[in-house]
Amino acid sequence: MSEYRKKMFRGAKIEDCILDLIDMETELSKSLETTDKQERQMLLGMSKAIRLIVNRLVREFDYPVGGGIVNTKLKEFISSIERRANEAQKQSSISMSDLLNKMYYDDIPDEAKEEIAKVPSIYQKGLWEGMALGYEKIIVDLQVILQSTENNKLVLLKINADKFEKLAHMFKEKLKEDEMDYRSGFMQGEMSAYTLIELEMKEIFSI
């Protein structure tokens, strides 16, 4: 697209469309929690399609990288992580087998069920609590970016995504596969939080 067309189409109407699409994706994500397996696949497909459209519009119409769209996406992202942190904290008091029984236990192979049963409850507790703490630390960092007056917030997001990747790598180096105590579970959980968020940040913000 030419520079002329980019500037001609850089207006409130296009931004309204982008923000509406982001809202639609958020509502779809909330619906995933209460749908059956077949409908969930359909909603995931719709969510991915909307995300592709949003990314294409932002890229094609040359929006400022530190503008309202980034702030809106960042607020939604932080809210999503807050929900995950709360859920992980709740699950720390539930055994893995009980948790899976409430979800899709019938879809899990028998071999996997046996492996789950062998996981010590203290390791499971550490896993969820480590994940919750990791999410909470990430939220603090992202809140700082949200409140920043920096024009190009994508630079700050990239710096933090790289930091989360390094932290995950650091935890991975310290982990010992044969240890199944609380400390190992906690480290595994915090590492998982950093890994998941780093990957999501790079996809959501195209960094």
N, C-alpha and C. Protein backbone atom coordinates (compact mmCIF):
# COMPACT_ATOMS: atom_id res chain seq x y z
N MET A 1 0.85 -1.19 0.00
CA MET A 1 0.00 0.00 0.00
C MET A 1 0.88 1.25 0.00
N SER A 2 0.51 2.24 -0.83
CA SER A 2 1.30 3.46 -0.93
C SER A 2 1.19 4.29 0.34
N GLU A 3 2.18 5.19 0.54
CA GLU A 3 2.16 6.07 1.71
C GLU A 3 0.94 6.97 1.69
N TYR A 4 0.53 7.37 0.47
CA TYR A 4 -0.64 8.25 0.34
C TYR A 4 -1.90 7.55 0.86
N ARG A 5 -2.11 6.31 0.45
CA ARG A 5 -3.31 5.58 0.86
C ARG A 5 -3.29 5.31 2.36
N LYS A 6 -2.11 5.01 2.90
CA LYS A 6 -2.01 4.77 4.34
C LYS A 6 -2.49 5.99 5.11
N LYS A 7 -2.04 7.17 4.67
CA LYS A 7 -2.41 8.40 5.37
C LYS A 7 -3.88 8.74 5.17
N MET A 8 -4.41 8.47 3.98
CA MET A 8 -5.80 8.77 3.69
C MET A 8 -6.75 7.95 4.55
N PHE A 9 -6.37 6.69 4.83
CA PHE A 9 -7.25 5.80 5.57
C PHE A 9 -6.96 5.77 7.07
N ARG A 10 -6.00 6.56 7.51
CA ARG A 10 -5.66 6.57 8.93
C ARG A 10 -6.63 7.51 9.64
N GLY A 11 -7.81 6.99 10.03
CA GLY A 11 -8.83 7.85 10.63
C GLY A 11 -9.58 7.14 11.74
N ALA A 12 -10.51 7.88 12.34
CA ALA A 12 -11.25 7.35 13.49
C ALA A 12 -12.10 6.16 13.12
N LYS A 13 -12.64 6.13 11.90
CA LYS A 13 -13.53 5.04 11.51
C LYS A 13 -12.79 3.71 11.49
N ILE A 14 -11.60 3.71 10.93
CA ILE A 14 -10.81 2.48 10.90
C ILE A 14 -10.44 2.05 12.31
N GLU A 15 -10.05 3.01 13.14
CA GLU A 15 -9.69 2.67 14.52
C GLU A 15 -10.89 2.10 15.26
N ASP A 16 -12.08 2.66 15.02
CA ASP A 16 -13.30 2.13 15.65
C ASP A 16 -13.52 0.68 15.26
N CYS A 17 -13.29 0.37 13.98
CA CYS A 17 -13.45 -1.01 13.51
C CYS A 17 -12.48 -1.94 14.22
N ILE A 18 -11.24 -1.50 14.35
CA ILE A 18 -10.22 -2.32 15.00
C ILE A 18 -10.58 -2.57 16.45
N LEU A 19 -11.01 -1.53 17.16
CA LEU A 19 -11.37 -1.67 18.56
C LEU A 19 -12.59 -2.58 18.73
N ASP A 20 -13.55 -2.47 17.80
CA ASP A 20 -14.73 -3.35 17.85
C ASP A 20 -14.32 -4.81 17.67
N LEU A 21 -13.40 -5.05 16.75
CA LEU A 21 -12.93 -6.42 16.51
C LEU A 21 -12.20 -6.98 17.74
N ILE A 22 -11.42 -6.12 18.39
CA ILE A 22 -10.73 -6.55 19.61
C ILE A 22 -11.75 -6.92 20.69
N ASP A 23 -12.82 -6.12 20.80
CA ASP A 23 -13.89 -6.43 21.77
C ASP A 23 -14.55 -7.76 21.44
N MET A 24 -14.77 -8.01 20.15
CA MET A 24 -15.38 -9.28 19.73
C MET A 24 -14.50 -10.46 20.12
N GLU A 25 -13.20 -10.31 19.91
CA GLU A 25 -12.27 -11.39 20.26
C GLU A 25 -12.27 -11.64 21.76
N THR A 26 -12.37 -10.58 22.54
CA THR A 26 -12.40 -10.71 24.00
C THR A 26 -13.65 -11.48 24.44
N GLU A 27 -14.79 -11.15 23.86
CA GLU A 27 -16.03 -11.83 24.21
C GLU A 27 -15.98 -13.31 23.81
N LEU A 28 -15.37 -13.60 22.67
CA LEU A 28 -15.22 -14.99 22.25
C LEU A 28 -14.36 -15.76 23.24
N SER A 29 -13.30 -15.13 23.72
CA SER A 29 -12.40 -15.78 24.68
C SER A 29 -13.13 -16.12 25.97
N LYS A 30 -14.03 -15.22 26.41
CA LYS A 30 -14.81 -15.47 27.61
C LYS A 30 -15.78 -16.64 27.40
N SER A 31 -16.33 -16.73 26.18
CA SER A 31 -17.30 -17.80 25.87
C SER A 31 -16.65 -19.17 25.87
N LEU A 32 -15.35 -19.23 25.63
CA LEU A 32 -14.64 -20.51 25.58
C LEU A 32 -14.73 -21.28 26.89
N GLU A 33 -14.91 -20.55 27.99
CA GLU A 33 -14.92 -21.18 29.30
C GLU A 33 -16.20 -21.96 29.58
N THR A 34 -17.25 -21.69 28.80
CA THR A 34 -18.55 -22.31 29.09
C THR A 34 -19.12 -23.09 27.91
N THR A 35 -18.29 -23.45 26.94
CA THR A 35 -18.79 -24.16 25.77
C THR A 35 -18.30 -25.60 25.75
N ASP A 36 -18.97 -26.44 24.95
CA ASP A 36 -18.53 -27.82 24.82
C ASP A 36 -17.37 -27.91 23.83
N LYS A 37 -16.84 -29.11 23.69
CA LYS A 37 -15.60 -29.28 22.92
C LYS A 37 -15.77 -28.90 21.46
N GLN A 38 -16.91 -29.28 20.85
CA GLN A 38 -17.11 -28.99 19.43
C GLN A 38 -17.27 -27.49 19.18
N GLU A 39 -18.07 -26.84 20.01
CA GLU A 39 -18.27 -25.40 19.85
C GLU A 39 -16.99 -24.63 20.16
N ARG A 40 -16.19 -25.15 21.08
CA ARG A 40 -14.94 -24.49 21.43
C ARG A 40 -14.01 -24.40 20.23
N GLN A 41 -13.95 -25.47 19.43
CA GLN A 41 -13.11 -25.46 18.25
C GLN A 41 -13.55 -24.40 17.25
N MET A 42 -14.87 -24.26 17.10
CA MET A 42 -15.40 -23.25 16.20
C MET A 42 -15.05 -21.85 16.68
N LEU A 43 -15.21 -21.61 18.00
CA LEU A 43 -14.92 -20.29 18.55
C LEU A 43 -13.43 -19.96 18.47
N LEU A 44 -12.59 -20.97 18.66
CA LEU A 44 -11.15 -20.75 18.54
C LEU A 44 -10.79 -20.32 17.13
N GLY A 45 -11.46 -20.95 16.14
CA GLY A 45 -11.23 -20.58 14.74
C GLY A 45 -11.66 -19.15 14.47
N MET A 46 -12.82 -18.77 15.01
CA MET A 46 -13.32 -17.40 14.83
C MET A 46 -12.38 -16.40 15.49
N SER A 47 -11.91 -16.73 16.70
CA SER A 47 -11.01 -15.84 17.42
C SER A 47 -9.71 -15.63 16.65
N LYS A 48 -9.18 -16.70 16.09
CA LYS A 48 -7.94 -16.60 15.32
C LYS A 48 -8.15 -15.75 14.07
N ALA A 49 -9.30 -15.91 13.41
CA ALA A 49 -9.60 -15.14 12.21
C ALA A 49 -9.69 -13.64 12.53
N ILE A 50 -10.36 -13.32 13.64
CA ILE A 50 -10.47 -11.91 14.05
C ILE A 50 -9.10 -11.34 14.36
N ARG A 51 -8.27 -12.12 15.04
CA ARG A 51 -6.92 -11.65 15.38
C ARG A 51 -6.11 -11.35 14.12
N LEU A 52 -6.25 -12.19 13.10
CA LEU A 52 -5.53 -11.97 11.85
C LEU A 52 -6.00 -10.68 11.17
N ILE A 53 -7.30 -10.43 11.21
CA ILE A 53 -7.85 -9.20 10.62
C ILE A 53 -7.32 -7.98 11.35
N VAL A 54 -7.33 -8.03 12.69
CA VAL A 54 -6.84 -6.90 13.47
C VAL A 54 -5.38 -6.61 13.15
N ASN A 55 -4.57 -7.64 13.14
CA ASN A 55 -3.14 -7.45 12.86
C ASN A 55 -2.92 -6.89 11.45
N ARG A 56 -3.73 -7.36 10.52
CA ARG A 56 -3.59 -6.87 9.13
C ARG A 56 -3.99 -5.40 9.04
N LEU A 57 -5.07 -5.00 9.68
CA LEU A 57 -5.51 -3.62 9.65
C LEU A 57 -4.48 -2.68 10.29
N VAL A 58 -3.98 -3.09 11.44
CA VAL A 58 -2.98 -2.27 12.13
C VAL A 58 -1.74 -2.09 11.25
N ARG A 59 -1.35 -3.18 10.60
CA ARG A 59 -0.15 -3.13 9.76
C ARG A 59 -0.38 -2.33 8.47
N GLU A 60 -1.48 -2.60 7.79
CA GLU A 60 -1.74 -1.98 6.50
C GLU A 60 -2.03 -0.49 6.59
N PHE A 61 -2.71 -0.06 7.64
CA PHE A 61 -3.09 1.34 7.75
C PHE A 61 -2.12 2.15 8.60
N ASP A 62 -0.99 1.53 8.94
CA ASP A 62 0.13 2.27 9.50
C ASP A 62 -0.22 3.08 10.74
N TYR A 63 -0.83 2.41 11.71
CA TYR A 63 -1.18 3.12 12.95
C TYR A 63 0.05 3.35 13.81
N PRO A 64 0.04 4.42 14.62
CA PRO A 64 1.15 4.66 15.55
C PRO A 64 1.29 3.49 16.51
N VAL A 65 2.50 2.98 16.68
CA VAL A 65 2.70 1.76 17.47
C VAL A 65 2.46 1.96 18.96
N GLY A 66 2.41 3.18 19.42
CA GLY A 66 2.20 3.39 20.85
C GLY A 66 0.84 3.98 21.16
N GLY A 67 -0.10 3.87 20.23
CA GLY A 67 -1.39 4.53 20.38
C GLY A 67 -2.40 3.76 21.18
N GLY A 68 -3.67 4.18 21.01
CA GLY A 68 -4.76 3.62 21.80
C GLY A 68 -4.98 2.14 21.59
N ILE A 69 -4.71 1.65 20.40
CA ILE A 69 -4.94 0.23 20.11
C ILE A 69 -4.03 -0.65 20.96
N VAL A 70 -2.76 -0.26 21.05
CA VAL A 70 -1.82 -1.03 21.88
C VAL A 70 -2.28 -1.01 23.33
N ASN A 71 -2.71 0.14 23.82
CA ASN A 71 -3.18 0.24 25.20
C ASN A 71 -4.39 -0.66 25.43
N THR A 72 -5.32 -0.66 24.48
CA THR A 72 -6.52 -1.49 24.60
C THR A 72 -6.16 -2.97 24.64
N LYS A 73 -5.30 -3.38 23.73
CA LYS A 73 -4.87 -4.78 23.70
C LYS A 73 -4.11 -5.15 24.97
N LEU A 74 -3.31 -4.21 25.47
CA LEU A 74 -2.52 -4.48 26.68
C LEU A 74 -3.43 -4.62 27.91
N LYS A 75 -4.46 -3.77 28.00
CA LYS A 75 -5.41 -3.87 29.11
C LYS A 75 -6.11 -5.23 29.11
N GLU A 76 -6.54 -5.67 27.93
CA GLU A 76 -7.21 -6.97 27.82
C GLU A 76 -6.26 -8.11 28.15
N PHE A 77 -5.03 -7.97 27.73
CA PHE A 77 -4.02 -8.99 28.00
C PHE A 77 -3.77 -9.11 29.50
N ILE A 78 -3.64 -7.97 30.18
CA ILE A 78 -3.42 -7.97 31.62
C ILE A 78 -4.61 -8.60 32.34
N SER A 79 -5.84 -8.28 31.90
CA SER A 79 -7.04 -8.86 32.52
C SER A 79 -7.04 -10.37 32.36
N SER A 80 -6.62 -10.84 31.20
CA SER A 80 -6.55 -12.28 30.94
C SER A 80 -5.55 -12.95 31.88
N ILE A 81 -4.41 -12.33 32.09
CA ILE A 81 -3.39 -12.90 32.97
C ILE A 81 -3.87 -12.89 34.42
N GLU A 82 -4.58 -11.84 34.81
CA GLU A 82 -5.13 -11.76 36.17
C GLU A 82 -6.10 -12.92 36.42
N ARG A 83 -6.93 -13.23 35.43
CA ARG A 83 -7.86 -14.36 35.57
C ARG A 83 -7.10 -15.67 35.72
N ARG A 84 -6.03 -15.83 34.95
CA ARG A 84 -5.24 -17.05 35.03
C ARG A 84 -4.52 -17.17 36.37
N ALA A 85 -4.04 -16.04 36.88
CA ALA A 85 -3.36 -16.06 38.19
C ALA A 85 -4.33 -16.49 39.28
N ASN A 86 -5.55 -15.95 39.26
CA ASN A 86 -6.56 -16.31 40.26
C ASN A 86 -6.94 -17.79 40.14
N GLU A 87 -7.07 -18.26 38.90
CA GLU A 87 -7.45 -19.66 38.69
C GLU A 87 -6.34 -20.59 39.16
N ALA A 88 -5.09 -20.24 38.88
CA ALA A 88 -3.97 -21.07 39.31
C ALA A 88 -3.91 -21.15 40.84
N GLN A 89 -4.18 -20.03 41.50
CA GLN A 89 -4.17 -20.01 42.96
C GLN A 89 -5.26 -20.92 43.53
N LYS A 90 -6.43 -20.91 42.90
CA LYS A 90 -7.52 -21.78 43.34
C LYS A 90 -7.17 -23.24 43.14
N GLN A 91 -6.55 -23.54 42.00
CA GLN A 91 -6.24 -24.93 41.65
C GLN A 91 -5.12 -25.50 42.51
N SER A 92 -4.37 -24.63 43.18
CA SER A 92 -3.27 -25.12 44.02
C SER A 92 -3.78 -25.95 45.20
N SER A 93 -5.06 -25.81 45.52
CA SER A 93 -5.65 -26.57 46.63
C SER A 93 -6.43 -27.79 46.14
N ILE A 94 -6.40 -28.05 44.82
CA ILE A 94 -7.13 -29.18 44.24
C ILE A 94 -6.12 -30.15 43.65
N SER A 95 -6.30 -31.44 43.89
CA SER A 95 -5.38 -32.42 43.32
C SER A 95 -5.56 -32.48 41.81
N MET A 96 -4.50 -32.86 41.09
CA MET A 96 -4.54 -32.91 39.64
C MET A 96 -5.61 -33.86 39.13
N SER A 97 -5.76 -35.02 39.76
CA SER A 97 -6.76 -35.99 39.30
C SER A 97 -8.17 -35.45 39.48
N ASP A 98 -8.43 -34.77 40.62
CA ASP A 98 -9.76 -34.17 40.84
C ASP A 98 -10.03 -33.08 39.81
N LEU A 99 -8.99 -32.30 39.50
CA LEU A 99 -9.14 -31.22 38.53
C LEU A 99 -9.49 -31.77 37.16
N LEU A 100 -8.78 -32.82 36.74
CA LEU A 100 -9.02 -33.40 35.43
C LEU A 100 -10.38 -34.10 35.36
N ASN A 101 -10.82 -34.67 36.48
CA ASN A 101 -12.14 -35.30 36.51
C ASN A 101 -13.25 -34.30 36.21
N LYS A 102 -13.01 -33.06 36.58
CA LYS A 102 -14.00 -32.01 36.34
C LYS A 102 -13.94 -31.51 34.91
N MET A 103 -12.87 -31.85 34.17
CA MET A 103 -12.69 -31.31 32.83
C MET A 103 -12.91 -32.41 31.78
N TYR A 104 -11.86 -32.93 31.20
CA TYR A 104 -11.98 -33.87 30.09
C TYR A 104 -11.27 -35.19 30.39
N TYR A 105 -11.51 -35.73 31.56
CA TYR A 105 -10.78 -36.91 32.01
C TYR A 105 -10.98 -38.10 31.07
N ASP A 106 -12.17 -38.22 30.48
CA ASP A 106 -12.46 -39.35 29.59
C ASP A 106 -11.64 -39.28 28.31
N ASP A 107 -11.19 -38.09 27.95
CA ASP A 107 -10.42 -37.93 26.72
C ASP A 107 -8.93 -38.20 26.92
N ILE A 108 -8.52 -38.39 28.16
CA ILE A 108 -7.10 -38.60 28.46
C ILE A 108 -6.77 -40.09 28.40
N PRO A 109 -5.70 -40.47 27.69
CA PRO A 109 -5.32 -41.89 27.60
C PRO A 109 -5.05 -42.48 28.99
N ASP A 110 -5.29 -43.78 29.13
CA ASP A 110 -5.09 -44.44 30.43
C ASP A 110 -3.65 -44.30 30.92
N GLU A 111 -2.69 -44.35 29.98
CA GLU A 111 -1.30 -44.23 30.37
C GLU A 111 -1.03 -42.87 31.02
N ALA A 112 -1.65 -41.84 30.44
CA ALA A 112 -1.46 -40.50 30.99
C ALA A 112 -2.11 -40.38 32.36
N LYS A 113 -3.26 -41.04 32.55
CA LYS A 113 -3.94 -41.01 33.85
C LYS A 113 -3.05 -41.63 34.93
N GLU A 114 -2.38 -42.71 34.55
CA GLU A 114 -1.51 -43.38 35.52
C GLU A 114 -0.33 -42.48 35.89
N GLU A 115 0.21 -41.77 34.91
CA GLU A 115 1.33 -40.87 35.18
C GLU A 115 0.89 -39.71 36.08
N ILE A 116 -0.31 -39.20 35.84
CA ILE A 116 -0.84 -38.11 36.66
C ILE A 116 -1.01 -38.55 38.11
N ALA A 117 -1.48 -39.79 38.28
CA ALA A 117 -1.71 -40.31 39.63
C ALA A 117 -0.41 -40.43 40.41
N LYS A 118 0.72 -40.57 39.71
CA LYS A 118 2.01 -40.72 40.37
C LYS A 118 2.61 -39.38 40.82
N VAL A 119 2.09 -38.29 40.30
CA VAL A 119 2.65 -36.98 40.62
C VAL A 119 2.29 -36.62 42.07
N PRO A 120 3.27 -36.38 42.93
CA PRO A 120 3.00 -36.04 44.33
C PRO A 120 2.17 -34.77 44.45
N SER A 121 1.25 -34.77 45.39
CA SER A 121 0.37 -33.61 45.58
C SER A 121 1.16 -32.36 45.94
N ILE A 122 2.28 -32.53 46.66
CA ILE A 122 3.08 -31.37 47.05
C ILE A 122 3.72 -30.73 45.82
N TYR A 123 4.07 -31.55 44.82
CA TYR A 123 4.62 -31.03 43.57
C TYR A 123 3.54 -30.26 42.80
N GLN A 124 2.34 -30.82 42.78
CA GLN A 124 1.22 -30.16 42.09
C GLN A 124 0.92 -28.81 42.73
N LYS A 125 0.95 -28.79 44.06
CA LYS A 125 0.68 -27.54 44.77
C LYS A 125 1.72 -26.48 44.41
N GLY A 126 3.00 -26.90 44.42
CA GLY A 126 4.07 -25.98 44.05
C GLY A 126 3.93 -25.50 42.62
N LEU A 127 3.51 -26.39 41.73
CA LEU A 127 3.34 -26.05 40.32
C LEU A 127 2.35 -24.90 40.13
N TRP A 128 1.16 -25.05 40.74
CA TRP A 128 0.12 -24.02 40.60
C TRP A 128 0.51 -22.72 41.29
N GLU A 129 1.11 -22.83 42.48
CA GLU A 129 1.48 -21.61 43.21
C GLU A 129 2.63 -20.88 42.50
N GLY A 130 3.55 -21.62 41.91
CA GLY A 130 4.62 -21.01 41.14
C GLY A 130 4.08 -20.30 39.90
N MET A 131 3.11 -20.93 39.26
CA MET A 131 2.50 -20.33 38.09
C MET A 131 1.76 -19.04 38.47
N ALA A 132 1.03 -19.09 39.59
CA ALA A 132 0.30 -17.90 40.06
C ALA A 132 1.25 -16.75 40.34
N LEU A 133 2.38 -17.06 41.02
CA LEU A 133 3.35 -16.01 41.33
C LEU A 133 3.98 -15.44 40.06
N GLY A 134 4.28 -16.32 39.11
CA GLY A 134 4.86 -15.87 37.85
C GLY A 134 3.92 -14.90 37.14
N TYR A 135 2.65 -15.25 37.09
CA TYR A 135 1.66 -14.37 36.46
C TYR A 135 1.59 -13.02 37.19
N GLU A 136 1.62 -13.06 38.51
CA GLU A 136 1.53 -11.82 39.29
C GLU A 136 2.73 -10.91 39.02
N LYS A 137 3.92 -11.48 38.90
CA LYS A 137 5.11 -10.68 38.59
C LYS A 137 4.99 -10.07 37.19
N ILE A 138 4.49 -10.84 36.26
CA ILE A 138 4.32 -10.37 34.89
C ILE A 138 3.33 -9.22 34.85
N ILE A 139 2.23 -9.34 35.60
CA ILE A 139 1.22 -8.28 35.64
C ILE A 139 1.83 -6.96 36.09
N VAL A 140 2.68 -7.00 37.11
CA VAL A 140 3.33 -5.78 37.60
C VAL A 140 4.14 -5.13 36.49
N ASP A 141 4.91 -5.92 35.75
CA ASP A 141 5.73 -5.37 34.66
C ASP A 141 4.87 -4.77 33.56
N LEU A 142 3.79 -5.45 33.21
CA LEU A 142 2.93 -4.96 32.14
C LEU A 142 2.14 -3.72 32.56
N GLN A 143 1.79 -3.63 33.84
CA GLN A 143 1.11 -2.44 34.34
C GLN A 143 2.02 -1.22 34.23
N VAL A 144 3.31 -1.42 34.47
CA VAL A 144 4.27 -0.32 34.33
C VAL A 144 4.28 0.18 32.89
N ILE A 145 4.26 -0.74 31.93
CA ILE A 145 4.24 -0.35 30.52
C ILE A 145 2.95 0.38 30.18
N LEU A 146 1.84 -0.12 30.69
CA LEU A 146 0.53 0.50 30.43
C LEU A 146 0.49 1.95 30.91
N GLN A 147 1.09 2.21 32.06
CA GLN A 147 1.08 3.55 32.63
C GLN A 147 2.18 4.45 32.06
N SER A 148 3.07 3.87 31.27
CA SER A 148 4.19 4.63 30.72
C SER A 148 3.72 5.67 29.71
N THR A 149 4.45 6.78 29.62
CA THR A 149 4.16 7.81 28.62
C THR A 149 5.02 7.63 27.38
N GLU A 150 5.75 6.54 27.32
CA GLU A 150 6.59 6.24 26.16
C GLU A 150 5.72 6.12 24.90
N ASN A 151 6.14 6.77 23.81
CA ASN A 151 5.36 6.74 22.57
C ASN A 151 5.33 5.35 21.94
N ASN A 152 6.47 4.69 21.91
CA ASN A 152 6.55 3.38 21.28
C ASN A 152 6.56 2.29 22.34
N LYS A 153 5.37 1.87 22.76
CA LYS A 153 5.28 0.86 23.82
C LYS A 153 5.65 -0.53 23.33
N LEU A 154 5.64 -0.72 22.02
CA LEU A 154 6.04 -2.03 21.49
C LEU A 154 7.50 -2.32 21.81
N VAL A 155 8.32 -1.29 21.89
CA VAL A 155 9.72 -1.48 22.26
C VAL A 155 9.80 -2.02 23.69
N LEU A 156 9.00 -1.42 24.59
CA LEU A 156 8.99 -1.88 25.98
C LEU A 156 8.44 -3.30 26.09
N LEU A 157 7.42 -3.60 25.29
CA LEU A 157 6.85 -4.95 25.31
C LEU A 157 7.87 -5.97 24.81
N LYS A 158 8.62 -5.61 23.79
CA LYS A 158 9.65 -6.52 23.26
C LYS A 158 10.73 -6.76 24.31
N ILE A 159 11.15 -5.69 25.00
CA ILE A 159 12.17 -5.83 26.05
C ILE A 159 11.69 -6.79 27.14
N ASN A 160 10.42 -6.65 27.54
CA ASN A 160 9.89 -7.51 28.60
C ASN A 160 9.69 -8.94 28.11
N ALA A 161 9.26 -9.12 26.87
CA ALA A 161 9.11 -10.48 26.33
C ALA A 161 10.46 -11.19 26.32
N ASP A 162 11.50 -10.46 25.94
CA ASP A 162 12.85 -11.05 25.95
C ASP A 162 13.28 -11.39 27.38
N LYS A 163 12.91 -10.53 28.34
CA LYS A 163 13.25 -10.78 29.73
C LYS A 163 12.55 -12.05 30.24
N PHE A 164 11.27 -12.22 29.88
CA PHE A 164 10.52 -13.40 30.31
C PHE A 164 11.13 -14.66 29.71
N GLU A 165 11.58 -14.55 28.46
CA GLU A 165 12.23 -15.70 27.81
C GLU A 165 13.51 -16.10 28.55
N LYS A 166 14.29 -15.11 28.96
CA LYS A 166 15.54 -15.38 29.68
C LYS A 166 15.25 -15.99 31.06
N LEU A 167 14.21 -15.48 31.74
CA LEU A 167 13.85 -16.03 33.05
C LEU A 167 13.42 -17.48 32.93
N ALA A 168 12.63 -17.78 31.89
CA ALA A 168 12.19 -19.16 31.68
C ALA A 168 13.39 -20.07 31.45
N HIS A 169 14.34 -19.59 30.67
CA HIS A 169 15.55 -20.38 30.39
C HIS A 169 16.36 -20.59 31.67
N MET A 170 16.41 -19.57 32.52
CA MET A 170 17.16 -19.68 33.77
C MET A 170 16.54 -20.76 34.67
N PHE A 171 15.20 -20.76 34.77
CA PHE A 171 14.54 -21.78 35.59
C PHE A 171 14.75 -23.17 35.01
N LYS A 172 14.71 -23.27 33.68
CA LYS A 172 14.89 -24.57 33.03
C LYS A 172 16.25 -25.16 33.35
N GLU A 173 17.27 -24.32 33.40
CA GLU A 173 18.62 -24.80 33.70
C GLU A 173 18.75 -25.29 35.13
N LYS A 174 17.95 -24.73 36.04
CA LYS A 174 18.02 -25.11 37.45
C LYS A 174 17.19 -26.35 37.78
N LEU A 175 16.23 -26.66 36.92
CA LEU A 175 15.34 -27.79 37.20
C LEU A 175 16.05 -29.13 37.04
N LYS A 176 15.69 -30.06 37.91
CA LYS A 176 16.18 -31.44 37.81
C LYS A 176 14.97 -32.34 37.62
N GLU A 177 14.97 -33.09 36.51
CA GLU A 177 13.80 -33.87 36.12
C GLU A 177 13.39 -34.91 37.16
N ASP A 178 14.35 -35.40 37.92
CA ASP A 178 14.03 -36.48 38.87
C ASP A 178 13.49 -35.97 40.21
N GLU A 179 13.47 -34.66 40.41
CA GLU A 179 12.97 -34.10 41.65
C GLU A 179 11.49 -33.75 41.52
N MET A 180 10.68 -34.19 42.47
CA MET A 180 9.24 -33.98 42.42
C MET A 180 8.74 -33.39 43.74
N ASP A 181 9.52 -32.47 44.31
CA ASP A 181 9.12 -31.85 45.56
C ASP A 181 8.45 -30.50 45.29
N TYR A 182 8.09 -29.80 46.36
CA TYR A 182 7.38 -28.51 46.22
C TYR A 182 8.23 -27.50 45.47
N ARG A 183 9.52 -27.42 45.81
CA ARG A 183 10.40 -26.43 45.18
C ARG A 183 10.48 -26.65 43.68
N SER A 184 10.61 -27.90 43.24
CA SER A 184 10.70 -28.19 41.82
C SER A 184 9.40 -27.85 41.11
N GLY A 185 8.28 -28.17 41.75
CA GLY A 185 6.98 -27.84 41.17
C GLY A 185 6.81 -26.33 41.03
N PHE A 186 7.24 -25.61 42.07
CA PHE A 186 7.12 -24.15 42.07
C PHE A 186 7.94 -23.54 40.92
N MET A 187 9.17 -24.02 40.76
CA MET A 187 10.03 -23.51 39.69
C MET A 187 9.46 -23.84 38.32
N GLN A 188 8.91 -25.05 38.20
CA GLN A 188 8.31 -25.45 36.93
C GLN A 188 7.10 -24.57 36.60
N GLY A 189 6.30 -24.26 37.62
CA GLY A 189 5.13 -23.43 37.41
C GLY A 189 5.49 -22.01 37.00
N GLU A 190 6.46 -21.43 37.69
CA GLU A 190 6.86 -20.06 37.35
C GLU A 190 7.49 -20.02 35.96
N MET A 191 8.28 -21.03 35.63
CA MET A 191 8.87 -21.10 34.30
C MET A 191 7.79 -21.18 33.22
N SER A 192 6.77 -21.98 33.48
CA SER A 192 5.67 -22.13 32.51
C SER A 192 4.95 -20.81 32.27
N ALA A 193 4.75 -20.04 33.34
CA ALA A 193 4.08 -18.74 33.21
C ALA A 193 4.89 -17.81 32.30
N TYR A 194 6.20 -17.74 32.53
CA TYR A 194 7.05 -16.88 31.70
C TYR A 194 7.05 -17.33 30.24
N THR A 195 7.11 -18.64 30.05
CA THR A 195 7.17 -19.18 28.69
C THR A 195 5.88 -18.88 27.93
N LEU A 196 4.74 -19.15 28.56
CA LEU A 196 3.45 -18.93 27.89
C LEU A 196 3.23 -17.46 27.56
N ILE A 197 3.50 -16.59 28.51
CA ILE A 197 3.26 -15.17 28.30
C ILE A 197 4.20 -14.59 27.25
N GLU A 198 5.45 -15.02 27.27
CA GLU A 198 6.41 -14.53 26.27
C GLU A 198 5.93 -14.88 24.85
N LEU A 199 5.45 -16.11 24.67
CA LEU A 199 4.97 -16.53 23.35
C LEU A 199 3.71 -15.76 22.95
N GLU A 200 2.80 -15.57 23.90
CA GLU A 200 1.56 -14.84 23.62
C GLU A 200 1.84 -13.38 23.28
N MET A 201 2.76 -12.75 24.01
CA MET A 201 3.10 -11.36 23.74
C MET A 201 3.61 -11.18 22.33
N LYS A 202 4.46 -12.06 21.88
CA LYS A 202 5.03 -11.94 20.55
C LYS A 202 3.97 -12.11 19.47
N GLU A 203 2.97 -12.95 19.75
CA GLU A 203 1.90 -13.15 18.77
C GLU A 203 0.90 -12.00 18.80
N ILE A 204 0.45 -11.61 20.00
CA ILE A 204 -0.58 -10.57 20.11
C ILE A 204 -0.10 -9.22 19.62
N PHE A 205 1.16 -8.87 19.98
CA PHE A 205 1.66 -7.54 19.65
C PHE A 205 2.61 -7.54 18.44
N SER A 206 2.74 -8.73 17.80
CA SER A 206 3.58 -8.85 16.59
C SER A 206 4.98 -8.28 16.82
N ILE A 207 5.63 -8.73 17.90
CA ILE A 207 6.96 -8.22 18.24
C ILE A 207 8.01 -9.32 18.07
